[in-house]
Structures are given as C-alpha cells and as structure tokens.
Amino acid sequence: MPKLKTRKCAAKRLKETGTGKFRHHKAGARHLKSSKNAKRKMNLRQDAPVSSAEKNRIKSALPYGL
C-alpha cells in the first residue's frame, strides 16, 4: 500500500489540540478594520474550533495528523 499524501493547504491552516480536536483562524481580520469595533477585532484574533461535521474531511486531508 503506498503512502497517503497530506493536503498541505489543510496542514497549514489547521492546528491540532492535545485532545485531538482541530482549530482554525477566523475569517475577516485582515483588512477593512476601521469599520469593525474593538470587541469584534479582539474576538477575531482567537482561534475557533472546527465543527464536528468537518471531521471526516479533515481526517482524509490529514491522514497522519499534524
């Protein structure tokens, strides 16, 4: 059986927690910041958990984990 390839786009965008869950960066924090209030920008800095519905797609994209 040949080795499975890792999807590099997923490996660069996701981080795995100690319990095996995945986290991602929130969208919308790159530009047009003057129209967003401070609370919204603070919340955009934090990583967000990936939904459990995406679990199978992530497992196939990262066959050997991170």
PDB file of N, CA and C in Angstrom:
ATOM      1  N   MET A   1       0.842  -1.180   0.000  1.00  0.00           N
ATOM      2  CA  MET A   1       0.000   0.000   0.000  1.00  0.00           C
ATOM      3  C   MET A   1       0.891   1.250   0.000  1.00  0.00           C
ATOM      4  N   PRO A   2       0.699   2.161  -0.933  1.00  0.00           N
ATOM      5  CA  PRO A   2       1.541   3.370  -0.951  1.00  0.00           C
ATOM      6  C   PRO A   2       1.166   4.318   0.187  1.00  0.00           C
ATOM      7  N   LYS A   3       2.081   5.206   0.466  1.00  0.00           N
ATOM      8  CA  LYS A   3       1.817   6.207   1.498  1.00  0.00           C
ATOM      9  C   LYS A   3       0.746   7.176   0.999  1.00  0.00           C
ATOM     10  N   LEU A   4      -0.048   7.692   1.931  1.00  0.00           N
ATOM     11  CA  LEU A   4      -1.073   8.674   1.590  1.00  0.00           C
ATOM     12  C   LEU A   4      -0.472  10.067   1.655  1.00  0.00           C
ATOM     13  N   LYS A   5      -0.921  10.943   0.765  1.00  0.00           N
ATOM     14  CA  LYS A   5      -0.396  12.305   0.745  1.00  0.00           C
ATOM     15  C   LYS A   5      -1.210  13.198   1.671  1.00  0.00           C
ATOM     16  N   THR A   6      -0.511  14.096   2.331  1.00  0.00           N
ATOM     17  CA  THR A   6      -1.148  15.098   3.184  1.00  0.00           C
ATOM     18  C   THR A   6      -1.547  16.296   2.338  1.00  0.00           C
ATOM     19  N   ARG A   7      -2.752  16.807   2.551  1.00  0.00           N
ATOM     20  CA  ARG A   7      -3.167  18.038   1.884  1.00  0.00           C
ATOM     21  C   ARG A   7      -2.482  19.198   2.587  1.00  0.00           C
ATOM     22  N   LYS A   8      -1.536  19.817   1.896  1.00  0.00           N
ATOM     23  CA  LYS A   8      -0.724  20.855   2.515  1.00  0.00           C
ATOM     24  C   LYS A   8      -1.547  22.085   2.871  1.00  0.00           C
ATOM     25  N   CYS A   9      -2.607  22.377   2.101  1.00  0.00           N
ATOM     26  CA  CYS A   9      -3.433  23.542   2.423  1.00  0.00           C
ATOM     27  C   CYS A   9      -4.101  23.343   3.784  1.00  0.00           C
ATOM     28  N   ALA A  10      -4.526  22.127   4.098  1.00  0.00           N
ATOM     29  CA  ALA A  10      -5.151  21.854   5.391  1.00  0.00           C
ATOM     30  C   ALA A  10      -4.107  21.864   6.505  1.00  0.00           C
ATOM     31  N   ALA A  11      -2.930  21.340   6.237  1.00  0.00           N
ATOM     32  CA  ALA A  11      -1.877  21.288   7.256  1.00  0.00           C
ATOM     33  C   ALA A  11      -1.433  22.682   7.671  1.00  0.00           C
ATOM     34  N   LYS A  12      -1.458  23.635   6.738  1.00  0.00           N
ATOM     35  CA  LYS A  12      -1.024  24.989   7.047  1.00  0.00           C
ATOM     36  C   LYS A  12      -2.116  25.791   7.749  1.00  0.00           C
ATOM     37  N   ARG A  13      -3.374  25.423   7.572  1.00  0.00           N
ATOM     38  CA  ARG A  13      -4.469  26.224   8.102  1.00  0.00           C
ATOM     39  C   ARG A  13      -5.024  25.721   9.425  1.00  0.00           C
ATOM     40  N   LEU A  14      -4.758  24.494   9.782  1.00  0.00           N
ATOM     41  CA  LEU A  14      -5.345  23.895  10.981  1.00  0.00           C
ATOM     42  C   LEU A  14      -4.274  23.587  12.021  1.00  0.00           C
ATOM     43  N   LYS A  15      -4.683  23.663  13.291  1.00  0.00           N
ATOM     44  CA  LYS A  15      -3.821  23.252  14.397  1.00  0.00           C
ATOM     45  C   LYS A  15      -4.574  22.185  15.183  1.00  0.00           C
ATOM     46  N   GLU A  16      -3.859  21.175  15.645  1.00  0.00           N
ATOM     47  CA  GLU A  16      -4.479  20.113  16.426  1.00  0.00           C
ATOM     48  C   GLU A  16      -4.261  20.374  17.907  1.00  0.00           C
ATOM     49  N   THR A  17      -5.310  20.236  18.709  1.00  0.00           N
ATOM     50  CA  THR A  17      -5.186  20.424  20.145  1.00  0.00           C
ATOM     51  C   THR A  17      -4.688  19.129  20.784  1.00  0.00           C
ATOM     52  N   GLY A  18      -4.420  19.170  22.053  1.00  0.00           N
ATOM     53  CA  GLY A  18      -3.948  17.987  22.760  1.00  0.00           C
ATOM     54  C   GLY A  18      -4.972  16.871  22.814  1.00  0.00           C
ATOM     55  N   THR A  19      -6.254  17.231  22.754  1.00  0.00           N
ATOM     56  CA  THR A  19      -7.313  16.214  22.822  1.00  0.00           C
ATOM     57  C   THR A  19      -7.684  15.666  21.455  1.00  0.00           C
ATOM     58  N   GLY A  20      -7.032  16.169  20.379  1.00  0.00           N
ATOM     59  CA  GLY A  20      -7.295  15.654  19.043  1.00  0.00           C
ATOM     60  C   GLY A  20      -8.265  16.473  18.230  1.00  0.00           C
ATOM     61  N   LYS A  21      -8.785  17.565  18.797  1.00  0.00           N
ATOM     62  CA  LYS A  21      -9.674  18.433  18.034  1.00  0.00           C
ATOM     63  C   LYS A  21      -8.829  19.398  17.206  1.00  0.00           C
ATOM     64  N   PHE A  22      -9.473  20.050  16.235  1.00  0.00           N
ATOM     65  CA  PHE A  22      -8.763  20.978  15.359  1.00  0.00           C
ATOM     66  C   PHE A  22      -9.289  22.386  15.552  1.00  0.00           C
ATOM     67  N   ARG A  23      -8.391  23.369  15.387  1.00  0.00           N
ATOM     68  CA  ARG A  23      -8.745  24.772  15.485  1.00  0.00           C
ATOM     69  C   ARG A  23      -8.282  25.490  14.225  1.00  0.00           C
ATOM     70  N   HIS A  24      -8.987  26.577  13.868  1.00  0.00           N
ATOM     71  CA  HIS A  24      -8.655  27.337  12.666  1.00  0.00           C
ATOM     72  C   HIS A  24      -8.713  28.821  12.980  1.00  0.00           C
ATOM     73  N   HIS A  25      -8.083  29.633  12.127  1.00  0.00           N
ATOM     74  CA  HIS A  25      -8.140  31.079  12.278  1.00  0.00           C
ATOM     75  C   HIS A  25      -9.489  31.590  11.765  1.00  0.00           C
ATOM     76  N   LYS A  26      -9.995  32.607  12.412  1.00  0.00           N
ATOM     77  CA  LYS A  26     -11.272  33.183  11.979  1.00  0.00           C
ATOM     78  C   LYS A  26     -11.060  34.078  10.762  1.00  0.00           C
ATOM     79  N   ALA A  27     -12.070  34.152   9.940  1.00  0.00           N
ATOM     80  CA  ALA A  27     -12.008  34.986   8.737  1.00  0.00           C
ATOM     81  C   ALA A  27     -12.426  36.412   9.058  1.00  0.00           C
ATOM     82  N   GLY A  28     -11.934  37.361   8.269  1.00  0.00           N
ATOM     83  CA  GLY A  28     -12.384  38.738   8.372  1.00  0.00           C
ATOM     84  C   GLY A  28     -11.485  39.650   9.177  1.00  0.00           C
ATOM     85  N   ALA A  29     -10.297  39.197   9.548  1.00  0.00           N
ATOM     86  CA  ALA A  29      -9.425  40.013  10.390  1.00  0.00           C
ATOM     87  C   ALA A  29      -8.282  40.651   9.613  1.00  0.00           C
ATOM     88  N   ARG A  30      -8.277  40.546   8.307  1.00  0.00           N
ATOM     89  CA  ARG A  30      -7.127  41.009   7.522  1.00  0.00           C
ATOM     90  C   ARG A  30      -7.198  42.473   7.129  1.00  0.00           C
ATOM     91  N   HIS A  31      -8.357  42.936   6.696  1.00  0.00           N
ATOM     92  CA  HIS A  31      -8.442  44.312   6.204  1.00  0.00           C
ATOM     93  C   HIS A  31      -9.822  44.881   6.518  1.00  0.00           C
ATOM     94  N   LEU A  32     -10.030  46.156   6.171  1.00  0.00           N
ATOM     95  CA  LEU A  32     -11.265  46.892   6.480  1.00  0.00           C
ATOM     96  C   LEU A  32     -11.539  46.898   7.985  1.00  0.00           C
ATOM     97  N   LYS A  33     -10.494  47.137   8.769  1.00  0.00           N
ATOM     98  CA  LYS A  33     -10.626  47.071  10.224  1.00  0.00           C
ATOM     99  C   LYS A  33     -11.232  48.326  10.835  1.00  0.00           C
ATOM    100  N   SER A  34     -11.216  49.433  10.101  1.00  0.00           N
ATOM    101  CA  SER A  34     -11.714  50.681  10.690  1.00  0.00           C
ATOM    102  C   SER A  34     -13.217  50.644  10.925  1.00  0.00           C
ATOM    103  N   SER A  35     -13.930  49.828  10.179  1.00  0.00           N
ATOM    104  CA  SER A  35     -15.381  49.755  10.355  1.00  0.00           C
ATOM    105  C   SER A  35     -15.801  48.725  11.405  1.00  0.00           C
ATOM    106  N   LYS A  36     -14.845  47.982  11.948  1.00  0.00           N
ATOM    107  CA  LYS A  36     -15.148  46.966  12.963  1.00  0.00           C
ATOM    108  C   LYS A  36     -14.803  47.534  14.338  1.00  0.00           C
ATOM    109  N   ASN A  37     -15.641  47.234  15.336  1.00  0.00           N
ATOM    110  CA  ASN A  37     -15.352  47.749  16.664  1.00  0.00           C
ATOM    111  C   ASN A  37     -14.275  46.902  17.355  1.00  0.00           C
ATOM    112  N   ALA A  38     -13.760  47.386  18.476  1.00  0.00           N
ATOM    113  CA  ALA A  38     -12.617  46.760  19.142  1.00  0.00           C
ATOM    114  C   ALA A  38     -12.955  45.365  19.640  1.00  0.00           C
ATOM    115  N   LYS A  39     -14.166  45.185  20.142  1.00  0.00           N
ATOM    116  CA  LYS A  39     -14.562  43.869  20.657  1.00  0.00           C
ATOM    117  C   LYS A  39     -14.578  42.827  19.544  1.00  0.00           C
ATOM    118  N   ARG A  40     -15.080  43.228  18.399  1.00  0.00           N
ATOM    119  CA  ARG A  40     -15.144  42.313  17.254  1.00  0.00           C
ATOM    120  C   ARG A  40     -13.746  41.930  16.783  1.00  0.00           C
ATOM    121  N   LYS A  41     -12.829  42.908  16.753  1.00  0.00           N
ATOM    122  CA  LYS A  41     -11.455  42.624  16.321  1.00  0.00           C
ATOM    123  C   LYS A  41     -10.736  41.740  17.330  1.00  0.00           C
ATOM    124  N   MET A  42     -11.011  41.930  18.631  1.00  0.00           N
ATOM    125  CA  MET A  42     -10.409  41.067  19.646  1.00  0.00           C
ATOM    126  C   MET A  42     -10.875  39.624  19.485  1.00  0.00           C
ATOM    127  N   ASN A  43     -12.162  39.453  19.203  1.00  0.00           N
ATOM    128  CA  ASN A  43     -12.706  38.099  19.031  1.00  0.00           C
ATOM    129  C   ASN A  43     -12.164  37.428  17.771  1.00  0.00           C
ATOM    130  N   LEU A  44     -11.837  38.207  16.765  1.00  0.00           N
ATOM    131  CA  LEU A  44     -11.295  37.637  15.525  1.00  0.00           C
ATOM    132  C   LEU A  44      -9.862  37.145  15.705  1.00  0.00           C
ATOM    133  N   ARG A  45      -9.170  37.613  16.756  1.00  0.00           N
ATOM    134  CA  ARG A  45      -7.790  37.176  16.984  1.00  0.00           C
ATOM    135  C   ARG A  45      -7.706  35.730  17.465  1.00  0.00           C
ATOM    136  N   GLN A  46      -8.745  35.256  18.142  1.00  0.00           N
ATOM    137  CA  GLN A  46      -8.703  33.932  18.738  1.00  0.00           C
ATOM    138  C   GLN A  46      -8.999  32.856  17.697  1.00  0.00           C
ATOM    139  N   ASP A  47      -8.400  31.685  17.883  1.00  0.00           N
ATOM    140  CA  ASP A  47      -8.715  30.557  17.021  1.00  0.00           C
ATOM    141  C   ASP A  47     -10.092  30.005  17.375  1.00  0.00           C
ATOM    142  N   ALA A  48     -10.764  29.446  16.399  1.00  0.00           N
ATOM    143  CA  ALA A  48     -12.095  28.878  16.606  1.00  0.00           C
ATOM    144  C   ALA A  48     -12.035  27.375  16.368  1.00  0.00           C
ATOM    145  N   PRO A  49     -12.863  26.600  17.061  1.00  0.00           N
ATOM    146  CA  PRO A  49     -12.877  25.155  16.826  1.00  0.00           C
ATOM    147  C   PRO A  49     -13.516  24.819  15.484  1.00  0.00           C
ATOM    148  N   VAL A  50     -13.034  23.775  14.853  1.00  0.00           N
ATOM    149  CA  VAL A  50     -13.621  23.290  13.602  1.00  0.00           C
ATOM    150  C   VAL A  50     -14.843  22.459  13.965  1.00  0.00           C
ATOM    151  N   SER A  51     -15.922  22.612  13.224  1.00  0.00           N
ATOM    152  CA  SER A  51     -17.153  21.896  13.547  1.00  0.00           C
ATOM    153  C   SER A  51     -16.972  20.389  13.368  1.00  0.00           C
ATOM    154  N   SER A  52     -17.739  19.640  14.130  1.00  0.00           N
ATOM    155  CA  SER A  52     -17.630  18.186  14.077  1.00  0.00           C
ATOM    156  C   SER A  52     -18.101  17.634  12.736  1.00  0.00           C
ATOM    157  N   ALA A  53     -18.889  18.413  11.982  1.00  0.00           N
ATOM    158  CA  ALA A  53     -19.361  17.972  10.669  1.00  0.00           C
ATOM    159  C   ALA A  53     -18.210  17.870   9.669  1.00  0.00           C
ATOM    160  N   GLU A  54     -17.130  18.610   9.902  1.00  0.00           N
ATOM    161  CA  GLU A  54     -15.978  18.596   9.001  1.00  0.00           C
ATOM    162  C   GLU A  54     -14.961  17.518   9.374  1.00  0.00           C
ATOM    163  N   LYS A  55     -15.235  16.737  10.387  1.00  0.00           N
ATOM    164  CA  LYS A  55     -14.272  15.774  10.928  1.00  0.00           C
ATOM    165  C   LYS A  55     -13.774  14.773   9.877  1.00  0.00           C
ATOM    166  N   ASN A  56     -14.677  14.207   9.096  1.00  0.00           N
ATOM    167  CA  ASN A  56     -14.285  13.202   8.101  1.00  0.00           C
ATOM    168  C   ASN A  56     -13.432  13.815   6.995  1.00  0.00           C
ATOM    169  N   ARG A  57     -13.742  15.049   6.592  1.00  0.00           N
ATOM    170  CA  ARG A  57     -12.941  15.718   5.557  1.00  0.00           C
ATOM    171  C   ARG A  57     -11.538  15.996   6.061  1.00  0.00           C
ATOM    172  N   ILE A  58     -11.424  16.379   7.318  1.00  0.00           N
ATOM    173  CA  ILE A  58     -10.105  16.668   7.884  1.00  0.00           C
ATOM    174  C   ILE A  58      -9.286  15.388   8.010  1.00  0.00           C
ATOM    175  N   LYS A  59      -9.930  14.320   8.416  1.00  0.00           N
ATOM    176  CA  LYS A  59      -9.212  13.045   8.549  1.00  0.00           C
ATOM    177  C   LYS A  59      -8.667  12.549   7.219  1.00  0.00           C
ATOM    178  N   SER A  60      -9.415  12.775   6.137  1.00  0.00           N
ATOM    179  CA  SER A  60      -8.927  12.354   4.835  1.00  0.00           C
ATOM    180  C   SER A  60      -7.847  13.302   4.311  1.00  0.00           C
ATOM    181  N   ALA A  61      -7.935  14.585   4.679  1.00  0.00           N
ATOM    182  CA  ALA A  61      -6.936  15.561   4.236  1.00  0.00           C
ATOM    183  C   ALA A  61      -5.633  15.408   5.010  1.00  0.00           C
ATOM    184  N   LEU A  62      -5.721  14.993   6.272  1.00  0.00           N
ATOM    185  CA  LEU A  62      -4.534  14.828   7.121  1.00  0.00           C
ATOM    186  C   LEU A  62      -4.481  13.386   7.613  1.00  0.00           C
ATOM    187  N   PRO A  63      -4.089  12.451   6.767  1.00  0.00           N
ATOM    188  CA  PRO A  63      -4.162  11.044   7.149  1.00  0.00           C
ATOM    189  C   PRO A  63      -3.244  10.670   8.310  1.00  0.00           C
ATOM    190  N   TYR A  64      -2.174  11.408   8.505  1.00  0.00           N
ATOM    191  CA  TYR A  64      -1.225  11.087   9.585  1.00  0.00           C
ATOM    192  C   TYR A  64      -1.243  12.127  10.697  1.00  0.00           C
ATOM    193  N   GLY A  65      -2.267  12.973  10.727  1.00  0.00           N
ATOM    194  CA  GLY A  65      -2.348  14.017  11.744  1.00  0.00           C
ATOM    195  C   GLY A  65      -1.391  15.149  11.429  1.00  0.00           C
ATOM    196  N   LEU A  66      -1.159  15.997  12.421  1.00  0.00           N
ATOM    197  CA  LEU A  66      -0.249  17.128  12.248  1.00  0.00           C
ATOM    198  C   LEU A  66       1.007  16.919  13.070  1.00  0.00           C
TER     199      LEU A  66
END
